[in-house]
Amino acid sequence: MPSILIKNLDNKQVNVAEQHENALQAIQEEMIDWMYACGGNGRCTSCKATIEDGADNFASLSEAEIRFREMGRLQENERLMCQAKVKGHVEVSVPDACKFPHMNYSS
């Protein structure tokens, strides 16, 4: 089963079931707060994650992700969790700009 390891949330492991349309849905199902300002529609970059390992285990970039890369708002090692489909094990972290003030992040 595909999975997401969130390194700076104390290595929280999230299993990604077939019915999840994207990584954000899987994360939210585990009751993990994850920033997203546009309702998860790929219109902003607030839900981005930094890829630490397993970049090849994401599906191809969505149109929104390509657009943000072209604009310089999404780096090569980042994906939008509302757009990214996970097809294997990936390890990510929450970038500083996308952290919630009420949450404790590990190093």
PDB file of N, CA and C in Angstrom:
ATOM      1  N   MET A   1       0.847  -1.183   0.000  1.00  0.00           N
ATOM      2  CA  MET A   1       0.000   0.000   0.000  1.00  0.00           C
ATOM      3  C   MET A   1       0.889   1.242   0.000  1.00  0.00           C
ATOM      4  N   PRO A   2       0.582   2.223  -0.831  1.00  0.00           N
ATOM      5  CA  PRO A   2       1.341   3.473  -0.828  1.00  0.00           C
ATOM      6  C   PRO A   2       1.268   4.139   0.544  1.00  0.00           C
ATOM      7  N   SER A   3       2.328   4.874   0.877  1.00  0.00           N
ATOM      8  CA  SER A   3       2.357   5.538   2.183  1.00  0.00           C
ATOM      9  C   SER A   3       3.154   6.831   2.111  1.00  0.00           C
ATOM     10  N   ILE A   4       2.861   7.694   3.088  1.00  0.00           N
ATOM     11  CA  ILE A   4       3.551   8.973   3.223  1.00  0.00           C
ATOM     12  C   ILE A   4       4.141   9.016   4.617  1.00  0.00           C
ATOM     13  N   LEU A   5       5.437   9.252   4.713  1.00  0.00           N
ATOM     14  CA  LEU A   5       6.099   9.463   5.994  1.00  0.00           C
ATOM     15  C   LEU A   5       6.369  10.958   6.092  1.00  0.00           C
ATOM     16  N   ILE A   6       5.786  11.592   7.094  1.00  0.00           N
ATOM     17  CA  ILE A   6       5.970  13.034   7.273  1.00  0.00           C
ATOM     18  C   ILE A   6       7.076  13.216   8.308  1.00  0.00           C
ATOM     19  N   LYS A   7       8.273  13.492   7.828  1.00  0.00           N
ATOM     20  CA  LYS A   7       9.461  13.483   8.667  1.00  0.00           C
ATOM     21  C   LYS A   7       9.412  14.494   9.804  1.00  0.00           C
ATOM     22  N   ASN A   8       8.984  15.734   9.540  1.00  0.00           N
ATOM     23  CA  ASN A   8       9.016  16.729  10.604  1.00  0.00           C
ATOM     24  C   ASN A   8       7.718  16.800  11.414  1.00  0.00           C
ATOM     25  N   LEU A   9       6.920  15.763  11.308  1.00  0.00           N
ATOM     26  CA  LEU A   9       5.782  15.559  12.225  1.00  0.00           C
ATOM     27  C   LEU A   9       6.006  14.244  12.962  1.00  0.00           C
ATOM     28  N   ASP A  10       7.192  14.144  13.558  1.00  0.00           N
ATOM     29  CA  ASP A  10       7.584  12.965  14.330  1.00  0.00           C
ATOM     30  C   ASP A  10       7.467  11.671  13.526  1.00  0.00           C
ATOM     31  N   ASN A  11       7.826  11.751  12.247  1.00  0.00           N
ATOM     32  CA  ASN A  11       7.793  10.580  11.351  1.00  0.00           C
ATOM     33  C   ASN A  11       6.421   9.913  11.310  1.00  0.00           C
ATOM     34  N   LYS A  12       5.388  10.730  11.267  1.00  0.00           N
ATOM     35  CA  LYS A  12       4.019  10.218  11.179  1.00  0.00           C
ATOM     36  C   LYS A  12       3.839   9.488   9.853  1.00  0.00           C
ATOM     37  N   GLN A  13       3.348   8.276   9.921  1.00  0.00           N
ATOM     38  CA  GLN A  13       3.122   7.435   8.741  1.00  0.00           C
ATOM     39  C   GLN A  13       1.639   7.489   8.363  1.00  0.00           C
ATOM     40  N   VAL A  14       1.359   7.744   7.104  1.00  0.00           N
ATOM     41  CA  VAL A  14      -0.004   7.814   6.589  1.00  0.00           C
ATOM     42  C   VAL A  14      -0.124   6.804   5.456  1.00  0.00           C
ATOM     43  N   ASN A  15      -1.065   5.890   5.557  1.00  0.00           N
ATOM     44  CA  ASN A  15      -1.323   4.952   4.467  1.00  0.00           C
ATOM     45  C   ASN A  15      -2.267   5.602   3.464  1.00  0.00           C
ATOM     46  N   VAL A  16      -1.975   5.393   2.198  1.00  0.00           N
ATOM     47  CA  VAL A  16      -2.763   5.994   1.123  1.00  0.00           C
ATOM     48  C   VAL A  16      -3.576   4.892   0.464  1.00  0.00           C
ATOM     49  N   ALA A  17      -4.869   4.921   0.702  1.00  0.00           N
ATOM     50  CA  ALA A  17      -5.764   3.912   0.131  1.00  0.00           C
ATOM     51  C   ALA A  17      -6.134   4.275  -1.302  1.00  0.00           C
ATOM     52  N   GLU A  18      -6.600   3.288  -2.030  1.00  0.00           N
ATOM     53  CA  GLU A  18      -6.966   3.472  -3.429  1.00  0.00           C
ATOM     54  C   GLU A  18      -8.014   4.556  -3.637  1.00  0.00           C
ATOM     55  N   GLN A  19      -8.925   4.710  -2.674  1.00  0.00           N
ATOM     56  CA  GLN A  19     -10.005   5.686  -2.851  1.00  0.00           C
ATOM     57  C   GLN A  19      -9.547   7.130  -2.664  1.00  0.00           C
ATOM     58  N   HIS A  20      -8.337   7.349  -2.139  1.00  0.00           N
ATOM     59  CA  HIS A  20      -7.839   8.709  -1.973  1.00  0.00           C
ATOM     60  C   HIS A  20      -7.447   9.281  -3.329  1.00  0.00           C
ATOM     61  N   GLU A  21      -8.008  10.434  -3.642  1.00  0.00           N
ATOM     62  CA  GLU A  21      -7.692  11.074  -4.917  1.00  0.00           C
ATOM     63  C   GLU A  21      -6.320  11.730  -4.894  1.00  0.00           C
ATOM     64  N   ASN A  22      -5.860  12.119  -3.707  1.00  0.00           N
ATOM     65  CA  ASN A  22      -4.565  12.792  -3.598  1.00  0.00           C
ATOM     66  C   ASN A  22      -4.004  12.624  -2.192  1.00  0.00           C
ATOM     67  N   ALA A  23      -2.765  13.065  -2.009  1.00  0.00           N
ATOM     68  CA  ALA A  23      -2.081  12.918  -0.727  1.00  0.00           C
ATOM     69  C   ALA A  23      -2.776  13.705   0.378  1.00  0.00           C
ATOM     70  N   LEU A  24      -3.299  14.878   0.059  1.00  0.00           N
ATOM     71  CA  LEU A  24      -3.972  15.695   1.066  1.00  0.00           C
ATOM     72  C   LEU A  24      -5.154  14.956   1.684  1.00  0.00           C
ATOM     73  N   GLN A  25      -5.926  14.260   0.890  1.00  0.00           N
ATOM     74  CA  GLN A  25      -7.066  13.500   1.422  1.00  0.00           C
ATOM     75  C   GLN A  25      -6.611  12.432   2.408  1.00  0.00           C
ATOM     76  N   ALA A  26      -5.537  11.748   2.083  1.00  0.00           N
ATOM     77  CA  ALA A  26      -5.024  10.709   2.982  1.00  0.00           C
ATOM     78  C   ALA A  26      -4.540  11.325   4.290  1.00  0.00           C
ATOM     79  N   ILE A  27      -3.853  12.458   4.198  1.00  0.00           N
ATOM     80  CA  ILE A  27      -3.344  13.142   5.389  1.00  0.00           C
ATOM     81  C   ILE A  27      -4.502  13.604   6.260  1.00  0.00           C
ATOM     82  N   GLN A  28      -5.512  14.200   5.662  1.00  0.00           N
ATOM     83  CA  GLN A  28      -6.659  14.690   6.422  1.00  0.00           C
ATOM     84  C   GLN A  28      -7.438  13.549   7.059  1.00  0.00           C
ATOM     85  N   GLU A  29      -7.526  12.433   6.393  1.00  0.00           N
ATOM     86  CA  GLU A  29      -8.244  11.292   6.961  1.00  0.00           C
ATOM     87  C   GLU A  29      -7.596  10.814   8.262  1.00  0.00           C
ATOM     88  N   GLU A  30      -6.298  11.048   8.400  1.00  0.00           N
ATOM     89  CA  GLU A  30      -5.579  10.695   9.624  1.00  0.00           C
ATOM     90  C   GLU A  30      -5.674  11.796  10.679  1.00  0.00           C
ATOM     91  N   MET A  31      -6.518  12.810  10.415  1.00  0.00           N
ATOM     92  CA  MET A  31      -6.749  13.916  11.354  1.00  0.00           C
ATOM     93  C   MET A  31      -5.483  14.738  11.591  1.00  0.00           C
ATOM     94  N   ILE A  32      -4.667  14.881  10.565  1.00  0.00           N
ATOM     95  CA  ILE A  32      -3.460  15.704  10.636  1.00  0.00           C
ATOM     96  C   ILE A  32      -3.782  17.049  10.002  1.00  0.00           C
ATOM     97  N   ASP A  33      -3.518  18.126  10.753  1.00  0.00           N
ATOM     98  CA  ASP A  33      -3.709  19.463  10.196  1.00  0.00           C
ATOM     99  C   ASP A  33      -2.657  19.711   9.125  1.00  0.00           C
ATOM    100  N   TRP A  34      -3.114  20.110   7.955  1.00  0.00           N
ATOM    101  CA  TRP A  34      -2.207  20.421   6.847  1.00  0.00           C
ATOM    102  C   TRP A  34      -2.761  21.647   6.153  1.00  0.00           C
ATOM    103  N   MET A  35      -1.947  22.652   5.982  1.00  0.00           N
ATOM    104  CA  MET A  35      -2.414  23.910   5.415  1.00  0.00           C
ATOM    105  C   MET A  35      -2.866  23.729   3.964  1.00  0.00           C
ATOM    106  N   TYR A  36      -3.995  24.350   3.643  1.00  0.00           N
ATOM    107  CA  TYR A  36      -4.454  24.459   2.252  1.00  0.00           C
ATOM    108  C   TYR A  36      -5.466  25.592   2.207  1.00  0.00           C
ATOM    109  N   ALA A  37      -5.175  26.609   1.433  1.00  0.00           N
ATOM    110  CA  ALA A  37      -5.983  27.821   1.428  1.00  0.00           C
ATOM    111  C   ALA A  37      -7.055  27.850   0.346  1.00  0.00           C
ATOM    112  N   CYS A  38      -6.889  27.084  -0.716  1.00  0.00           N
ATOM    113  CA  CYS A  38      -7.816  27.174  -1.852  1.00  0.00           C
ATOM    114  C   CYS A  38      -8.838  26.039  -1.875  1.00  0.00           C
ATOM    115  N   GLY A  39      -8.966  25.344  -0.760  1.00  0.00           N
ATOM    116  CA  GLY A  39      -9.918  24.237  -0.720  1.00  0.00           C
ATOM    117  C   GLY A  39      -9.390  22.973  -1.376  1.00  0.00           C
ATOM    118  N   GLY A  40      -8.098  22.900  -1.583  1.00  0.00           N
ATOM    119  CA  GLY A  40      -7.511  21.714  -2.199  1.00  0.00           C
ATOM    120  C   GLY A  40      -7.751  21.626  -3.687  1.00  0.00           C
ATOM    121  N   ASN A  41      -7.808  22.778  -4.345  1.00  0.00           N
ATOM    122  CA  ASN A  41      -8.118  22.812  -5.775  1.00  0.00           C
ATOM    123  C   ASN A  41      -6.938  23.171  -6.670  1.00  0.00           C
ATOM    124  N   GLY A  42      -5.728  23.217  -6.124  1.00  0.00           N
ATOM    125  CA  GLY A  42      -4.554  23.507  -6.931  1.00  0.00           C
ATOM    126  C   GLY A  42      -4.455  24.946  -7.394  1.00  0.00           C
ATOM    127  N   ARG A  43      -4.999  25.865  -6.613  1.00  0.00           N
ATOM    128  CA  ARG A  43      -4.975  27.274  -7.001  1.00  0.00           C
ATOM    129  C   ARG A  43      -3.990  28.107  -6.195  1.00  0.00           C
ATOM    130  N   CYS A  44      -3.329  27.474  -5.229  1.00  0.00           N
ATOM    131  CA  CYS A  44      -2.328  28.165  -4.418  1.00  0.00           C
ATOM    132  C   CYS A  44      -1.197  27.174  -4.162  1.00  0.00           C
ATOM    133  N   THR A  45      -0.272  27.525  -3.328  1.00  0.00           N
ATOM    134  CA  THR A  45       0.811  26.592  -3.011  1.00  0.00           C
ATOM    135  C   THR A  45       0.925  26.356  -1.509  1.00  0.00           C
ATOM    136  N   SER A  46      -0.123  26.634  -0.778  1.00  0.00           N
ATOM    137  CA  SER A  46      -0.045  26.516   0.683  1.00  0.00           C
ATOM    138  C   SER A  46       0.011  25.073   1.175  1.00  0.00           C
ATOM    139  N   CYS A  47      -0.343  24.110   0.349  1.00  0.00           N
ATOM    140  CA  CYS A  47      -0.320  22.702   0.767  1.00  0.00           C
ATOM    141  C   CYS A  47       0.941  21.977   0.318  1.00  0.00           C
ATOM    142  N   LYS A  48       1.942  22.737  -0.126  1.00  0.00           N
ATOM    143  CA  LYS A  48       3.122  22.054  -0.663  1.00  0.00           C
ATOM    144  C   LYS A  48       3.907  21.332   0.424  1.00  0.00           C
ATOM    145  N   ALA A  49       4.620  20.320  -0.028  1.00  0.00           N
ATOM    146  CA  ALA A  49       5.509  19.541   0.831  1.00  0.00           C
ATOM    147  C   ALA A  49       6.853  19.435   0.134  1.00  0.00           C
ATOM    148  N   THR A  50       7.888  19.348   0.933  1.00  0.00           N
ATOM    149  CA  THR A  50       9.226  19.117   0.407  1.00  0.00           C
ATOM    150  C   THR A  50       9.451  17.615   0.344  1.00  0.00           C
ATOM    151  N   ILE A  51       9.861  17.119  -0.802  1.00  0.00           N
ATOM    152  CA  ILE A  51      10.118  15.686  -0.966  1.00  0.00           C
ATOM    153  C   ILE A  51      11.497  15.375  -0.400  1.00  0.00           C
ATOM    154  N   GLU A  52      11.535  14.477   0.564  1.00  0.00           N
ATOM    155  CA  GLU A  52      12.796  14.049   1.175  1.00  0.00           C
ATOM    156  C   GLU A  52      13.303  12.763   0.522  1.00  0.00           C
ATOM    157  N   ASP A  53      12.375  11.896   0.117  1.00  0.00           N
ATOM    158  CA  ASP A  53      12.753  10.624  -0.504  1.00  0.00           C
ATOM    159  C   ASP A  53      11.538  10.053  -1.239  1.00  0.00           C
ATOM    160  N   GLY A  54      11.764   9.323  -2.305  1.00  0.00           N
ATOM    161  CA  GLY A  54      10.691   8.644  -3.021  1.00  0.00           C
ATOM    162  C   GLY A  54      10.003   9.473  -4.080  1.00  0.00           C
ATOM    163  N   ALA A  55      10.688  10.455  -4.635  1.00  0.00           N
ATOM    164  CA  ALA A  55      10.074  11.320  -5.652  1.00  0.00           C
ATOM    165  C   ALA A  55       9.485  10.522  -6.811  1.00  0.00           C
ATOM    166  N   ASP A  56      10.109   9.401  -7.145  1.00  0.00           N
ATOM    167  CA  ASP A  56       9.615   8.562  -8.244  1.00  0.00           C
ATOM    168  C   ASP A  56       8.311   7.851  -7.897  1.00  0.00           C
ATOM    169  N   ASN A  57       7.934   7.871  -6.625  1.00  0.00           N
ATOM    170  CA  ASN A  57       6.698   7.209  -6.198  1.00  0.00           C
ATOM    171  C   ASN A  57       5.486   8.140  -6.195  1.00  0.00           C
ATOM    172  N   PHE A  58       5.657   9.315  -6.767  1.00  0.00           N
ATOM    173  CA  PHE A  58       4.527  10.202  -7.029  1.00  0.00           C
ATOM    174  C   PHE A  58       4.149  10.042  -8.496  1.00  0.00           C
ATOM    175  N   ALA A  59       2.869  10.215  -8.801  1.00  0.00           N
ATOM    176  CA  ALA A  59       2.433  10.241 -10.196  1.00  0.00           C
ATOM    177  C   ALA A  59       2.961  11.517 -10.848  1.00  0.00           C
ATOM    178  N   SER A  60       2.789  11.648 -12.126  1.00  0.00           N
ATOM    179  CA  SER A  60       3.246  12.830 -12.866  1.00  0.00           C
ATOM    180  C   SER A  60       2.643  14.106 -12.293  1.00  0.00           C
ATOM    181  N   LEU A  61       3.322  15.209 -12.555  1.00  0.00           N
ATOM    182  CA  LEU A  61       2.837  16.512 -12.115  1.00  0.00           C
ATOM    183  C   LEU A  61       1.468  16.816 -12.725  1.00  0.00           C
ATOM    184  N   SER A  62       0.625  17.465 -11.940  1.00  0.00           N
ATOM    185  CA  SER A  62      -0.671  17.916 -12.456  1.00  0.00           C
ATOM    186  C   SER A  62      -0.457  19.206 -13.250  1.00  0.00           C
ATOM    187  N   GLU A  63      -1.471  19.647 -13.965  1.00  0.00           N
ATOM    188  CA  GLU A  63      -1.385  20.908 -14.709  1.00  0.00           C
ATOM    189  C   GLU A  63      -1.102  22.068 -13.762  1.00  0.00           C
ATOM    190  N   ALA A  64      -1.742  22.059 -12.588  1.00  0.00           N
ATOM    191  CA  ALA A  64      -1.522  23.131 -11.612  1.00  0.00           C
ATOM    192  C   ALA A  64      -0.072  23.146 -11.140  1.00  0.00           C
ATOM    193  N   GLU A  65       0.494  21.969 -10.883  1.00  0.00           N
ATOM    194  CA  GLU A  65       1.880  21.900 -10.426  1.00  0.00           C
ATOM    195  C   GLU A  65       2.844  22.379 -11.517  1.00  0.00           C
ATOM    196  N   ILE A  66       2.569  22.024 -12.748  1.00  0.00           N
ATOM    197  CA  ILE A  66       3.401  22.492 -13.865  1.00  0.00           C
ATOM    198  C   ILE A  66       3.339  24.012 -13.949  1.00  0.00           C
ATOM    199  N   ARG A  67       2.154  24.562 -13.826  1.00  0.00           N
ATOM    200  CA  ARG A  67       1.973  26.013 -13.888  1.00  0.00           C
ATOM    201  C   ARG A  67       2.773  26.704 -12.777  1.00  0.00           C
ATOM    202  N   PHE A  68       2.689  26.181 -11.547  1.00  0.00           N
ATOM    203  CA  PHE A  68       3.418  26.792 -10.443  1.00  0.00           C
ATOM    204  C   PHE A  68       4.926  26.623 -10.588  1.00  0.00           C
ATOM    205  N   ARG A  69       5.376  25.533 -11.169  1.00  0.00           N
ATOM    206  CA  ARG A  69       6.816  25.366 -11.433  1.00  0.00           C
ATOM    207  C   ARG A  69       7.283  26.409 -12.446  1.00  0.00           C
ATOM    208  N   GLU A  70       6.493  26.605 -13.485  1.00  0.00           N
ATOM    209  CA  GLU A  70       6.851  27.603 -14.500  1.00  0.00           C
ATOM    210  C   GLU A  70       6.890  29.004 -13.917  1.00  0.00           C
ATOM    211  N   MET A  71       6.066  29.263 -12.914  1.00  0.00           N
ATOM    212  CA  MET A  71       6.029  30.571 -12.245  1.00  0.00           C
ATOM    213  C   MET A  71       7.118  30.697 -11.171  1.00  0.00           C
ATOM    214  N   GLY A  72       7.828  29.619 -10.886  1.00  0.00           N
ATOM    215  CA  GLY A  72       8.863  29.644  -9.865  1.00  0.00           C
ATOM    216  C   GLY A  72       8.347  29.536  -8.444  1.00  0.00           C
ATOM    217  N   ARG A  73       7.095  29.118  -8.289  1.00  0.00           N
ATOM    218  CA  ARG A  73       6.489  29.015  -6.952  1.00  0.00           C
ATOM    219  C   ARG A  73       6.489  27.592  -6.406  1.00  0.00           C
ATOM    220  N   LEU A  74       6.970  26.637  -7.193  1.00  0.00           N
ATOM    221  CA  LEU A  74       7.057  25.242  -6.771  1.00  0.00           C
ATOM    222  C   LEU A  74       8.386  24.698  -7.280  1.00  0.00           C
ATOM    223  N   GLN A  75       9.255  24.328  -6.353  1.00  0.00           N
ATOM    224  CA  GLN A  75      10.600  23.868  -6.697  1.00  0.00           C
ATOM    225  C   GLN A  75      10.567  22.402  -7.153  1.00  0.00           C
ATOM    226  N   GLU A  76      11.673  21.961  -7.707  1.00  0.00           N
ATOM    227  CA  GLU A  76      11.793  20.586  -8.203  1.00  0.00           C
ATOM    228  C   GLU A  76      11.555  19.548  -7.110  1.00  0.00           C
ATOM    229  N   ASN A  77      11.910  19.878  -5.879  1.00  0.00           N
ATOM    230  CA  ASN A  77      11.764  18.933  -4.766  1.00  0.00           C
ATOM    231  C   ASN A  77      10.488  19.184  -3.963  1.00  0.00           C
ATOM    232  N   GLU A  78       9.505  19.824  -4.567  1.00  0.00           N
ATOM    233  CA  GLU A  78       8.235  20.103  -3.888  1.00  0.00           C
ATOM    234  C   GLU A  78       7.062  19.580  -4.716  1.00  0.00           C
ATOM    235  N   ARG A  79       6.011  19.193  -4.006  1.00  0.00           N
ATOM    236  CA  ARG A  79       4.747  18.790  -4.651  1.00  0.00           C
ATOM    237  C   ARG A  79       3.595  19.419  -3.888  1.00  0.00           C
ATOM    238  N   LEU A  80       2.490  19.653  -4.576  1.00  0.00           N
ATOM    239  CA  LEU A  80       1.262  20.109  -3.929  1.00  0.00           C
ATOM    240  C   LEU A  80       0.514  18.874  -3.451  1.00  0.00           C
ATOM    241  N   MET A  81       0.255  18.791  -2.169  1.00  0.00           N
ATOM    242  CA  MET A  81      -0.394  17.606  -1.620  1.00  0.00           C
ATOM    243  C   MET A  81      -1.826  17.459  -2.119  1.00  0.00           C
ATOM    244  N   CYS A  82      -2.470  18.552  -2.509  1.00  0.00           N
ATOM    245  CA  CYS A  82      -3.834  18.458  -3.034  1.00  0.00           C
ATOM    246  C   CYS A  82      -3.859  17.930  -4.462  1.00  0.00           C
ATOM    247  N   GLN A  83      -2.708  17.889  -5.110  1.00  0.00           N
ATOM    248  CA  GLN A  83      -2.626  17.444  -6.495  1.00  0.00           C
ATOM    249  C   GLN A  83      -1.862  16.132  -6.642  1.00  0.00           C
ATOM    250  N   ALA A  84      -0.947  15.878  -5.730  1.00  0.00           N
ATOM    251  CA  ALA A  84      -0.034  14.737  -5.854  1.00  0.00           C
ATOM    252  C   ALA A  84      -0.724  13.421  -5.551  1.00  0.00           C
ATOM    253  N   LYS A  85      -0.547  12.481  -6.445  1.00  0.00           N
ATOM    254  CA  LYS A  85      -1.043  11.127  -6.248  1.00  0.00           C
ATOM    255  C   LYS A  85       0.148  10.252  -5.887  1.00  0.00           C
ATOM    256  N   VAL A  86      -0.017   9.484  -4.817  1.00  0.00           N
ATOM    257  CA  VAL A  86       1.070   8.658  -4.306  1.00  0.00           C
ATOM    258  C   VAL A  86       0.878   7.230  -4.786  1.00  0.00           C
ATOM    259  N   LYS A  87       1.935   6.654  -5.370  1.00  0.00           N
ATOM    260  CA  LYS A  87       1.838   5.295  -5.889  1.00  0.00           C
ATOM    261  C   LYS A  87       2.837   4.344  -5.238  1.00  0.00           C
ATOM    262  N   GLY A  88       3.534   4.817  -4.202  1.00  0.00           N
ATOM    263  CA  GLY A  88       4.496   4.008  -3.456  1.00  0.00           C
ATOM    264  C   GLY A  88       4.834   4.723  -2.163  1.00  0.00           C
ATOM    265  N   HIS A  89       5.950   4.366  -1.541  1.00  0.00           N
ATOM    266  CA  HIS A  89       6.354   5.021  -0.295  1.00  0.00           C
ATOM    267  C   HIS A  89       7.085   6.324  -0.598  1.00  0.00           C
ATOM    268  N   VAL A  90       6.649   7.415   0.037  1.00  0.00           N
ATOM    269  CA  VAL A  90       7.306   8.712  -0.090  1.00  0.00           C
ATOM    270  C   VAL A  90       7.582   9.275   1.296  1.00  0.00           C
ATOM    271  N   GLU A  91       8.615  10.092   1.371  1.00  0.00           N
ATOM    272  CA  GLU A  91       8.947  10.793   2.605  1.00  0.00           C
ATOM    273  C   GLU A  91       8.969  12.277   2.298  1.00  0.00           C
ATOM    274  N   VAL A  92       8.220  13.035   3.097  1.00  0.00           N
ATOM    275  CA  VAL A  92       8.092  14.472   2.874  1.00  0.00           C
ATOM    276  C   VAL A  92       8.273  15.209   4.194  1.00  0.00           C
ATOM    277  N   SER A  93       8.396  16.523   4.085  1.00  0.00           N
ATOM    278  CA  SER A  93       8.366  17.378   5.267  1.00  0.00           C
ATOM    279  C   SER A  93       7.575  18.629   4.923  1.00  0.00           C
ATOM    280  N   VAL A  94       7.092  19.292   5.952  1.00  0.00           N
ATOM    281  CA  VAL A  94       6.336  20.525   5.780  1.00  0.00           C
ATOM    282  C   VAL A  94       7.345  21.674   5.718  1.00  0.00           C
ATOM    283  N   PRO A  95       7.352  22.459   4.627  1.00  0.00           N
ATOM    284  CA  PRO A  95       8.274  23.593   4.555  1.00  0.00           C
ATOM    285  C   PRO A  95       7.902  24.661   5.595  1.00  0.00           C
ATOM    286  N   ASP A  96       8.876  25.442   6.005  1.00  0.00           N
ATOM    287  CA  ASP A  96       8.642  26.470   7.029  1.00  0.00           C
ATOM    288  C   ASP A  96       7.475  27.385   6.684  1.00  0.00           C
ATOM    289  N   ALA A  97       7.366  27.797   5.431  1.00  0.00           N
ATOM    290  CA  ALA A  97       6.316  28.731   5.015  1.00  0.00           C
ATOM    291  C   ALA A  97       4.913  28.140   5.125  1.00  0.00           C
ATOM    292  N   CYS A  98       4.805  26.812   5.236  1.00  0.00           N
ATOM    293  CA  CYS A  98       3.497  26.150   5.263  1.00  0.00           C
ATOM    294  C   CYS A  98       3.165  25.549   6.627  1.00  0.00           C
ATOM    295  N   LYS A  99       3.936  25.888   7.623  1.00  0.00           N
ATOM    296  CA  LYS A  99       3.701  25.337   8.964  1.00  0.00           C
ATOM    297  C   LYS A  99       2.637  26.139   9.699  1.00  0.00           C
ATOM    298  N   PHE A 100       1.831  25.415  10.459  1.00  0.00           N
ATOM    299  CA  PHE A 100       0.846  26.046  11.328  1.00  0.00           C
ATOM    300  C   PHE A 100       1.515  26.463  12.637  1.00  0.00           C
ATOM    301  N   PRO A 101       1.147  27.623  13.179  1.00  0.00           N
ATOM    302  CA  PRO A 101       1.758  28.045  14.447  1.00  0.00           C
ATOM    303  C   PRO A 101       1.317  27.197  15.646  1.00  0.00           C
ATOM    304  N   HIS A 102       0.163  26.541  15.561  1.00  0.00           N
ATOM    305  CA  HIS A 102      -0.341  25.774  16.707  1.00  0.00           C
ATOM    306  C   HIS A 102       0.208  24.356  16.774  1.00  0.00           C
ATOM    307  N   MET A 103       1.019  23.972  15.807  1.00  0.00           N
ATOM    308  CA  MET A 103       1.529  22.595  15.771  1.00  0.00           C
ATOM    309  C   MET A 103       3.007  22.570  16.146  1.00  0.00           C
ATOM    310  N   ASN A 104       3.417  21.457  16.744  1.00  0.00           N
ATOM    311  CA  ASN A 104       4.824  21.252  17.075  1.00  0.00           C
ATOM    312  C   ASN A 104       5.450  20.380  16.005  1.00  0.00           C
ATOM    313  N   TYR A 105       6.449  20.922  15.354  1.00  0.00           N
ATOM    314  CA  TYR A 105       7.145  20.188  14.295  1.00  0.00           C
ATOM    315  C   TYR A 105       8.487  19.705  14.842  1.00  0.00           C
ATOM    316  N   SER A 106       8.844  18.501  14.454  1.00  0.00           N
ATOM    317  CA  SER A 106      10.135  17.948  14.850  1.00  0.00           C
ATOM    318  C   SER A 106      11.175  18.381  13.826  1.00  0.00           C
ATOM    319  N   SER A 107      12.424  18.132  14.124  1.00  0.00           N
ATOM    320  CA  SER A 107      13.489  18.548  13.205  1.00  0.00           C
ATOM    321  C   SER A 107      13.699  17.533  12.099  1.00  0.00           C
TER     322      SER A 107
END
